[in-house]
Structures are given as structure tokens and as C-alpha cells.
Amino acid sequence: MNFQLIVGTFVAMLAFAGNSVLCRMALESGTIDPATFTSVRLISGAIILSILVLSISKLSENKAGDLKPFDSSNPRANFNTRLCHLCSLKQSSWLGGLALFAYAAGFSFSYISLSTGTGALILFATVQITMITIALFQGSRFSLAQWFGFAIALVGLVYLFLPGISAPPIFGALLMVLAGIAWGVYSIMGKKVLNPSQSTTENFIRASLITLLLSLFFINDMSISMDGLLLAVASGVITSGIGYAIWYAVLPYLKSATSASVQLTVPVIATLGGIVFLEEDISLRLFLASIAILGGVAMVILLSKKA
């Protein structure tokens, strides 16, 4: 793995964790309501992603020139032709936009009550468990060690939810679970597309249209300040739009097990961000649940025969 790839991967993980930190900062301080935060995040993300994709598409067109018929004697021209056709393929759907919206809305509303690290851990755990469960239903087979790891992760998640003083607020936790399921489904759908960056852009645009209905529904609860607006825009442009663009740029160069395992760092980075920027504490319950969930999922990923 070269230096640029390492840096790109690390920056992408920082961006993913940064979404949790920015959202929690905005909602914990009451500078913006969750519905408006969701709308601003998705709309600003759609704008920056559209600019990036259009720029790349324009660059590709300039290099490829006009589309030409297939020519077996000119492999390079054929590659350029296929590249331009690829950019014109439909890459998204309203179902994808709805899943993205459900993730973003559940994410925002859950952070009214959840701490940064707890929210990120629940989200990550639910996303991975959702994707693993879907893979099992689609015919994937686990070794005994993988089943053990999966069981440990589930036990860790259940332990996190058990009643007690340090248990997360149940409503916020359930909202984050729904967000994780939506993102897990969205990720599975994303595996079928040929151009993830274009697909994400189109789905952000669709989700932006859907989220306007959410803002209308909560219009009487609207509360927004310049600080809250800037945090939401930063989440949409930097940690969502640019973060996803960087991730999709490095993803083709990572092995499947590597790409999945590096995401184990996201809840850890988010927890550290909560400590630094929001002065949050780490409870013993969160610490033990993190070890169980992250360790269990790591076993499933790293022991995969497809790794």
C-alpha cells in the first residue's frame, strides 16, 4: 500500500467519523434542529458531489473525444468509448435515495440524545450486522470461527442496550439502529453499480428532494443559527461529499477485507473526537461493548474466504 493510498484511506475514515462529531456538536448545542441539519447536509452534499462528478465527466469527455464505434484495432479508443458510455449509465434509483435519506434522518435525530462515540458504535455495528445478515441470506457460508465472531458482536450490541445508568437513551439508540439498517441496505445496493461516485451523487439529489418534505413536516420546530448552518454545510460538503469522493477513489485499490476492516477505526476516531471537542466521557459499558462489537466483526471480516 503506497503512501497516497494510506493517506487517502485515513482521510476518508476521519471524514466518516467527522460526520458524527459535527452532527453531535450542532445538535448538542441546539444551534440547529435535526430536520434542518439533515436537509442542509444532503443538499450541500448533492451540490459538491455534482460539481465533482461533472468536472470528472468533462475531463473524461475531453480526453475521449466523440464516441466512436468499436474498433478492434484501437484498444485505447475502445477504452475511452466504454468510459464515456459508463458515465452515461443510470446508476441510482429512488429506492437508493430513500435509503440514503432514511440513514441521514435517523442519524441526525438520534444525535439529539446519543453521545458521539455511542452513536458511531451503534451505527457501525448495525451497518456491518445488516450487511453480514444479508450476505448469509444470499448464500454466504461462515466458518465456526466467523459464527463465533458474529455472536460476540451481537452480544456486545445487546450488552450496550441493556437497561442501566450508562445505557444509551433507547429512542435515540433505536433511531441510530434504523439509520444503520438503511445504510447497510444502501451499501449492498451500491455493490451492484458500475460507478459508485455517480450513483452517490444521484442518490444525494434524490434524498435532497425527499428531505424537503421532512423539513416541511417539522417547519414549526425549525431552529437555525449561523453556527448550526456552518456545521451542517461542513458535514455535507467536507465529511460527506468530499469524504465519500476520496473513499471511492481509494476503494478500488483496497482488498475487500482491508476496506471493511479499516472502517473499524471509525467508531474509535468518533469517540476520540467526542472527548476532544465535546468533553464526553467513555463509560465502562461503551468500552466493553466496543471491544466485543469491533473484535467480533473483525473476526468475521478477516476470516472471510473471500478476503
Protein backbone atom coordinates (compact mmCIF):
# COMPACT_ATOMS: atom_id res chain seq x y z
CA MET A 1 0.00 0.00 0.00
CA ASN A 2 1.63 3.28 -1.14
CA PHE A 3 1.73 6.49 0.87
CA GLN A 4 -1.02 8.27 -1.11
CA LEU A 5 -3.35 5.31 -0.61
CA ILE A 6 -2.68 5.24 3.13
CA VAL A 7 -3.29 8.99 3.44
CA GLY A 8 -6.45 8.82 1.32
CA THR A 9 -7.86 5.96 3.38
CA PHE A 10 -7.05 7.69 6.66
CA VAL A 11 -8.64 10.97 5.49
CA ALA A 12 -11.79 9.09 4.42
CA MET A 13 -12.08 7.47 7.87
CA LEU A 14 -11.59 10.88 9.51
CA ALA A 15 -14.40 12.22 7.33
CA PHE A 16 -16.77 9.38 8.26
CA ALA A 17 -16.07 9.90 11.96
CA GLY A 18 -16.30 13.66 11.45
CA ASN A 19 -19.95 13.32 10.46
CA SER A 20 -20.75 12.09 13.97
CA VAL A 21 -18.69 14.83 15.63
CA LEU A 22 -20.18 17.66 13.54
CA CYS A 23 -23.75 16.43 13.95
CA ARG A 24 -23.39 16.00 17.71
CA MET A 25 -21.74 19.43 18.05
CA ALA A 26 -24.61 21.09 16.19
CA LEU A 27 -27.47 19.30 17.97
CA GLU A 28 -25.93 19.18 21.45
CA SER A 29 -25.54 22.96 21.41
CA GLY A 30 -29.02 23.48 19.97
CA THR A 31 -27.73 25.66 17.13
CA ILE A 32 -29.91 23.84 14.54
CA ASP A 33 -32.81 21.40 14.58
CA PRO A 34 -32.24 17.83 13.30
CA ALA A 35 -34.61 18.12 10.31
CA THR A 36 -32.86 21.25 9.02
CA PHE A 37 -29.43 19.72 9.69
CA THR A 38 -30.45 16.69 7.60
CA SER A 39 -31.72 18.85 4.74
CA VAL A 40 -28.69 21.15 4.67
CA ARG A 41 -26.31 18.20 4.87
CA LEU A 42 -27.93 16.32 1.98
CA ILE A 43 -28.44 19.37 -0.25
CA SER A 44 -24.89 20.70 0.26
CA GLY A 45 -23.55 17.18 -0.26
CA ALA A 46 -25.52 16.86 -3.51
CA ILE A 47 -24.15 20.19 -4.75
CA ILE A 48 -20.46 19.41 -4.07
CA LEU A 49 -20.75 15.86 -5.44
CA SER A 50 -22.46 17.15 -8.59
CA ILE A 51 -19.63 19.63 -9.11
CA LEU A 52 -17.00 16.89 -8.63
CA VAL A 53 -18.74 14.37 -10.91
CA LEU A 54 -19.42 16.93 -13.65
CA SER A 55 -15.78 18.04 -13.52
CA ILE A 56 -14.54 14.46 -13.83
CA SER A 57 -17.05 13.72 -16.58
CA LYS A 58 -15.99 16.81 -18.50
CA LEU A 59 -12.34 15.81 -18.15
CA SER A 60 -13.13 12.31 -19.42
CA GLU A 61 -15.03 13.70 -22.40
CA ASN A 62 -12.15 16.00 -23.30
CA LYS A 63 -9.77 13.04 -23.25
CA ALA A 64 -12.08 10.63 -25.01
CA GLY A 65 -13.48 12.96 -27.67
CA ASP A 66 -16.61 12.00 -29.52
CA LEU A 67 -17.92 8.46 -29.07
CA LYS A 68 -16.88 6.21 -31.90
CA PRO A 69 -17.90 2.70 -32.99
CA PHE A 70 -15.97 -0.23 -31.57
CA ASP A 71 -12.63 -0.64 -33.33
CA SER A 72 -10.72 -3.83 -32.61
CA SER A 73 -7.51 -2.28 -33.91
CA ASN A 74 -7.58 0.62 -31.41
CA PRO A 75 -7.83 -0.62 -27.80
CA ARG A 76 -7.24 2.83 -26.29
CA ALA A 77 -10.11 4.39 -28.23
CA ASN A 78 -12.32 1.49 -27.19
CA PHE A 79 -11.43 2.11 -23.55
CA ASN A 80 -12.36 5.79 -23.86
CA THR A 81 -15.62 4.86 -25.56
CA ARG A 82 -16.52 2.44 -22.77
CA LEU A 83 -15.60 5.07 -20.19
CA CYS A 84 -17.96 7.63 -21.67
CA HIS A 85 -20.74 5.05 -22.01
CA LEU A 86 -20.15 4.13 -18.37
CA CYS A 87 -20.64 7.75 -17.28
CA SER A 88 -23.97 7.83 -19.12
CA LEU A 89 -25.41 4.71 -17.49
CA LYS A 90 -28.17 5.08 -14.93
CA GLN A 91 -26.52 4.49 -11.58
CA SER A 92 -29.22 5.14 -8.99
CA SER A 93 -32.89 4.76 -8.08
CA TRP A 94 -35.50 6.32 -5.86
CA LEU A 95 -35.10 3.34 -3.54
CA GLY A 96 -31.43 4.25 -3.14
CA GLY A 97 -32.35 7.87 -2.50
CA LEU A 98 -34.92 6.81 0.10
CA ALA A 99 -32.38 4.57 1.87
CA LEU A 100 -29.85 7.43 1.94
CA PHE A 101 -32.49 9.79 3.32
CA ALA A 102 -33.54 7.28 6.00
CA TYR A 103 -29.92 6.94 7.08
CA ALA A 104 -29.31 10.71 7.22
CA ALA A 105 -32.58 11.48 9.05
CA GLY A 106 -32.19 8.70 11.62
CA PHE A 107 -28.56 9.72 12.11
CA SER A 108 -29.46 13.36 12.83
CA PHE A 109 -32.42 12.75 15.12
CA SER A 110 -30.56 10.10 17.13
CA TYR A 111 -27.74 12.53 17.95
CA ILE A 112 -30.14 14.70 19.94
CA SER A 113 -29.58 12.28 22.82
CA LEU A 114 -26.67 9.95 21.98
CA SER A 115 -23.03 10.71 22.68
CA THR A 116 -20.70 10.86 19.69
CA GLY A 117 -18.91 7.55 20.31
CA THR A 118 -22.05 5.62 21.30
CA GLY A 119 -23.88 6.78 18.18
CA ALA A 120 -20.98 5.89 15.90
CA LEU A 121 -20.61 2.46 17.50
CA ILE A 122 -24.33 1.64 17.16
CA LEU A 123 -24.33 2.87 13.56
CA PHE A 124 -21.21 0.91 12.60
CA ALA A 125 -22.38 -2.25 14.36
CA THR A 126 -25.82 -2.15 12.74
CA VAL A 127 -24.41 -1.48 9.27
CA GLN A 128 -22.00 -4.40 9.49
CA ILE A 129 -24.52 -6.79 11.06
CA THR A 130 -27.08 -5.84 8.39
CA MET A 131 -24.63 -6.48 5.57
CA ILE A 132 -23.43 -9.74 7.11
CA THR A 133 -27.02 -10.95 7.62
CA ILE A 134 -27.95 -10.11 4.01
CA ALA A 135 -24.84 -11.96 2.82
CA LEU A 136 -25.91 -15.02 4.81
CA PHE A 137 -29.38 -14.95 3.27
CA GLN A 138 -27.78 -14.67 -0.16
CA GLY A 139 -25.89 -17.91 0.40
CA SER A 140 -22.60 -16.94 2.06
CA ARG A 141 -21.20 -19.56 4.44
CA PHE A 142 -19.39 -18.88 7.71
CA SER A 143 -16.72 -20.91 9.38
CA LEU A 144 -17.16 -21.79 13.05
CA ALA A 145 -14.75 -19.00 14.00
CA GLN A 146 -16.75 -16.48 11.96
CA TRP A 147 -20.00 -17.56 13.63
CA PHE A 148 -18.26 -17.09 16.97
CA GLY A 149 -17.18 -13.57 15.97
CA PHE A 150 -20.68 -12.74 14.74
CA ALA A 151 -22.16 -13.95 18.04
CA ILE A 152 -19.68 -11.86 20.04
CA ALA A 153 -20.64 -8.75 18.04
CA LEU A 154 -24.34 -9.37 18.66
CA VAL A 155 -23.74 -9.94 22.37
CA GLY A 156 -21.78 -6.68 22.52
CA LEU A 157 -24.64 -4.78 20.88
CA VAL A 158 -27.21 -6.33 23.22
CA TYR A 159 -25.00 -5.52 26.22
CA LEU A 160 -24.81 -1.88 25.09
CA PHE A 161 -28.61 -1.71 25.06
CA LEU A 162 -29.20 -3.39 28.43
CA PRO A 163 -31.01 -1.15 30.97
CA GLY A 164 -28.77 0.70 33.40
CA ILE A 165 -27.37 4.09 34.31
CA SER A 166 -24.85 4.05 31.45
CA ALA A 167 -27.25 2.63 28.86
CA PRO A 168 -27.87 4.92 25.85
CA PRO A 169 -31.33 6.56 25.56
CA ILE A 170 -33.46 3.87 23.96
CA PHE A 171 -35.29 6.10 21.46
CA GLY A 172 -32.09 7.65 20.17
CA ALA A 173 -30.43 4.23 20.02
CA LEU A 174 -33.31 2.75 18.02
CA LEU A 175 -33.21 5.66 15.58
CA MET A 176 -29.50 5.01 15.04
CA VAL A 177 -30.23 1.31 14.51
CA LEU A 178 -32.72 2.27 11.79
CA ALA A 179 -30.09 4.58 10.28
CA GLY A 180 -27.58 1.71 10.31
CA ILE A 181 -30.01 -0.71 8.65
CA ALA A 182 -30.75 1.89 5.95
CA TRP A 183 -27.03 2.48 5.34
CA GLY A 184 -26.37 -1.26 5.28
CA VAL A 185 -29.07 -1.76 2.64
CA TYR A 186 -27.76 1.24 0.71
CA SER A 187 -24.24 -0.23 0.78
CA ILE A 188 -25.48 -3.57 -0.53
CA MET A 189 -27.31 -1.78 -3.36
CA GLY A 190 -24.11 0.16 -4.09
CA LYS A 191 -22.19 -3.04 -4.82
CA LYS A 192 -24.28 -3.52 -7.98
CA VAL A 193 -23.49 -0.17 -9.59
CA LEU A 194 -20.62 0.40 -12.01
CA ASN A 195 -19.86 3.99 -10.98
CA PRO A 196 -20.24 4.50 -7.19
CA SER A 197 -19.39 8.22 -7.30
CA GLN A 198 -22.07 8.98 -9.87
CA SER A 199 -24.55 6.73 -8.07
CA THR A 200 -23.92 8.50 -4.76
CA THR A 201 -24.36 11.90 -6.42
CA GLU A 202 -27.68 10.94 -7.99
CA ASN A 203 -28.90 9.41 -4.74
CA PHE A 204 -27.91 12.54 -2.81
CA ILE A 205 -30.01 14.59 -5.24
CA ARG A 206 -33.00 12.27 -4.78
CA ALA A 207 -32.55 12.24 -1.00
CA SER A 208 -32.38 16.05 -1.04
CA LEU A 209 -35.80 16.20 -2.67
CA ILE A 210 -37.24 13.77 -0.12
CA THR A 211 -35.75 15.64 2.83
CA LEU A 212 -37.60 18.82 1.85
CA LEU A 213 -40.78 17.00 2.91
CA LEU A 214 -39.15 16.30 6.29
CA SER A 215 -38.34 19.98 6.75
CA LEU A 216 -41.90 20.94 5.86
CA PHE A 217 -43.25 18.44 8.39
CA PHE A 218 -41.08 19.92 11.17
CA ILE A 219 -41.32 23.53 9.99
CA ASN A 220 -42.84 24.66 13.30
CA ASP A 221 -39.80 23.26 15.13
CA MET A 222 -37.27 24.90 12.83
CA SER A 223 -34.34 26.45 14.67
CA ILE A 224 -31.21 27.58 12.91
CA SER A 225 -28.22 29.81 13.61
CA MET A 226 -25.13 30.65 11.58
CA ASP A 227 -23.02 28.22 13.66
CA GLY A 228 -25.51 25.41 13.11
CA LEU A 229 -25.75 26.17 9.39
CA LEU A 230 -21.96 26.12 9.01
CA LEU A 231 -21.70 22.79 10.86
CA ALA A 232 -24.39 21.25 8.63
CA VAL A 233 -22.72 22.57 5.47
CA ALA A 234 -19.34 21.25 6.67
CA SER A 235 -20.95 17.86 7.24
CA GLY A 236 -22.49 17.86 3.77
CA VAL A 237 -19.59 19.28 1.78
CA ILE A 238 -16.48 18.05 3.61
CA THR A 239 -17.20 14.95 5.68
CA SER A 240 -19.95 13.61 3.39
CA GLY A 241 -19.39 14.80 -0.18
CA ILE A 242 -15.60 15.10 -0.33
CA GLY A 243 -15.19 12.26 2.17
CA TYR A 244 -17.18 9.86 0.00
CA ALA A 245 -15.36 11.04 -3.12
CA ILE A 246 -11.99 10.25 -1.52
CA TRP A 247 -13.24 6.88 -0.26
CA TYR A 248 -14.48 5.80 -3.69
CA ALA A 249 -11.16 6.92 -5.18
CA VAL A 250 -9.11 4.63 -2.91
CA LEU A 251 -11.64 1.78 -2.62
CA PRO A 252 -10.72 0.03 -5.92
CA TYR A 253 -7.13 -0.34 -4.67
CA LEU A 254 -8.07 -1.98 -1.35
CA LYS A 255 -8.79 -5.65 -0.80
CA SER A 256 -12.34 -6.35 0.37
CA ALA A 257 -11.18 -7.41 3.84
CA THR A 258 -8.94 -4.35 4.12
CA SER A 259 -11.68 -1.92 3.09
CA ALA A 260 -14.06 -3.44 5.63
CA SER A 261 -11.56 -3.71 8.46
CA VAL A 262 -10.27 -0.12 8.20
CA GLN A 263 -13.81 1.04 8.91
CA LEU A 264 -13.40 -0.48 12.36
CA THR A 265 -11.47 2.68 13.17
CA VAL A 266 -14.45 4.99 12.59
CA PRO A 267 -16.19 4.50 16.00
CA VAL A 268 -12.83 4.83 17.74
CA ILE A 269 -12.00 8.09 15.92
CA ALA A 270 -15.52 9.41 16.58
CA THR A 271 -15.19 8.59 20.29
CA LEU A 272 -11.87 10.45 20.45
CA GLY A 273 -13.49 13.36 18.62
CA GLY A 274 -16.28 13.44 21.21
CA ILE A 275 -13.72 13.56 24.01
CA VAL A 276 -11.66 16.34 22.40
CA PHE A 277 -14.40 18.60 21.01
CA LEU A 278 -17.36 17.84 23.29
CA GLU A 279 -15.62 16.73 26.51
CA GLU A 280 -17.59 13.48 26.55
CA ASP A 281 -16.68 10.60 28.84
CA ILE A 282 -16.18 6.93 27.97
CA SER A 283 -18.24 4.63 30.16
CA LEU A 284 -17.11 1.12 31.04
CA ARG A 285 -20.16 -0.20 29.19
CA LEU A 286 -19.18 1.61 25.98
CA PHE A 287 -15.57 0.43 26.30
CA LEU A 288 -16.52 -3.25 26.77
CA ALA A 289 -19.23 -3.14 24.10
CA SER A 290 -16.76 -1.59 21.65
CA ILE A 291 -14.25 -4.37 22.23
CA ALA A 292 -16.90 -7.05 21.71
CA ILE A 293 -18.51 -5.47 18.65
CA LEU A 294 -15.36 -4.34 16.85
CA GLY A 295 -13.50 -7.54 17.74
CA GLY A 296 -16.38 -9.77 16.65
CA VAL A 297 -16.87 -8.00 13.33
CA ALA A 298 -13.12 -8.06 12.72
CA MET A 299 -13.16 -11.85 13.11
CA VAL A 300 -15.94 -12.18 10.54
CA ILE A 301 -14.17 -9.92 8.05
CA LEU A 302 -10.60 -11.11 8.41
CA LEU A 303 -11.52 -14.80 8.41
CA SER A 304 -13.62 -14.50 5.28
CA LYS A 305 -12.58 -16.87 2.49
CA LYS A 306 -13.15 -14.02 0.06
CA ALA A 307 -10.72 -11.73 1.84
